[in-house]
Amino acid sequence: MADFELRSWEVVCYSLILIIGVLGNSTVILVIRKSGSSPKHRFRDVPFNVYLMALAIVDLALSVVCLPVYIMSTNAFPHPTGIGGDIFCKLITGNLPQYWLAGVSIYILVVISFERYAAISKPFETRLGITTKNYVYIGLAWFFGFARELPVLVGIRYTASNATVGTSCHYWPEQLPNIFIYSCLFISEYLLPAVIFAINFYRIRKRLNRLDSTLKTALGDERQRVKIVKSKGRTIRIVFILLLTFLICWTPNNIMYLLFQYGDVPKVRWSSDFYQFGMILGFSSCCLNPFLYAFQSREFRKHCGEVLTKVFQSDRTARRPLDASQSFTASIMSSSKVTKMRLPSRKNFQVLE
């Protein structure tokens, strides 16, 4: 069994991810769900907000599983052996839950980048509401997130010695399958999403420049033109934040991932502090996403205030005890209502002559 001790700084980091991730993502889910309870509200029926709620669900799950999986990967947890050890490595201590959910989160962000481009290029289509296509995209994100982990799921094994992941897990023993598998993972989970974010950022910026030049000739009011371009500029800001946050959070992890597979660098072994910090930085995106993509929206903040106010007011009303005068008045009113219900009206009486 490899020596991978429980580290206090990692427990603190994963605990912060757990607390912030649960609070932030739960708030996003609550606001989007509650804001659609009235037919007057169409906030929940916007594709962008549906994708945000799907992202919040994934990030909520990721923020919850990080800490327990880390603890079970250390010496503080008695790892099962034999066939049970193989199953435990495949499903838990081989980091399948975190990287599967992280992959789904990344792919939903890719979908959001395409949706933001559609909001600029085809604004009327995005206002038609939710279609089956939107849910298909979310389902595909889950599917590809899991399909990406299938080679790792098949190749990981329990080992009593020479563990490469945690205390008891070892990936493919052959070097050639390792090189092929991790090259595919690097492309699918890092390189391809980064390229898509950059391309969509460029396309949105190009569209906005074209819109600005069109408005200069079509509108005589300079203030109106600036107002329209500024409102559309929020879209490009979201995609830029997507690209920047993705590069900051996932570049260190993927660079060390390649060095871990292709090079023999002692400082970037899986159990090293450098590698563990890269993993934490990547997983921290799950607690940053609510504040980067939801709370930066003025409309979301408005709905957030309305929903939280209603929730706290209803909770306070339910918990408020009635004093003696209030309970007496309530009993009088209820008894009078019952009396009114039981007494027939005069219209129902007929005078017999």
Foldseek 3Di string as FASTA:
>chain_A
DDAFADDPVLLVLLVVLLVLLQVLLVLLLLLLVVQVPDVVGCSVQFLLSVLSNLLSVLLNQLSVQPNVLVCCLHPNHDQDDDPSNFVCCLPGNVCLSNQLSLQLNLQSVLVSLVVLLCCLVPVVVRVPTDDVVSVVSSVVSNVVSNVLCVQQSVFKGFACDDAQTRRTIHGHPDLVVLVVSLVVSCCSRAVVSLVSLVVSLVSLVVSLVVLLVVCVVVDPDPVVSVVVSVVSVVSSVLSVCSNVLSCFQQVQLSVLVCCCSPHDDVCSGCSHPSNSVSVSSNSSVSSVVSVSRQVVDPVSVVSSVVSVVVVVVVVCVVPDDDDPVRVVVVVVVVVVVVVVVPDDDPVVDDDDD
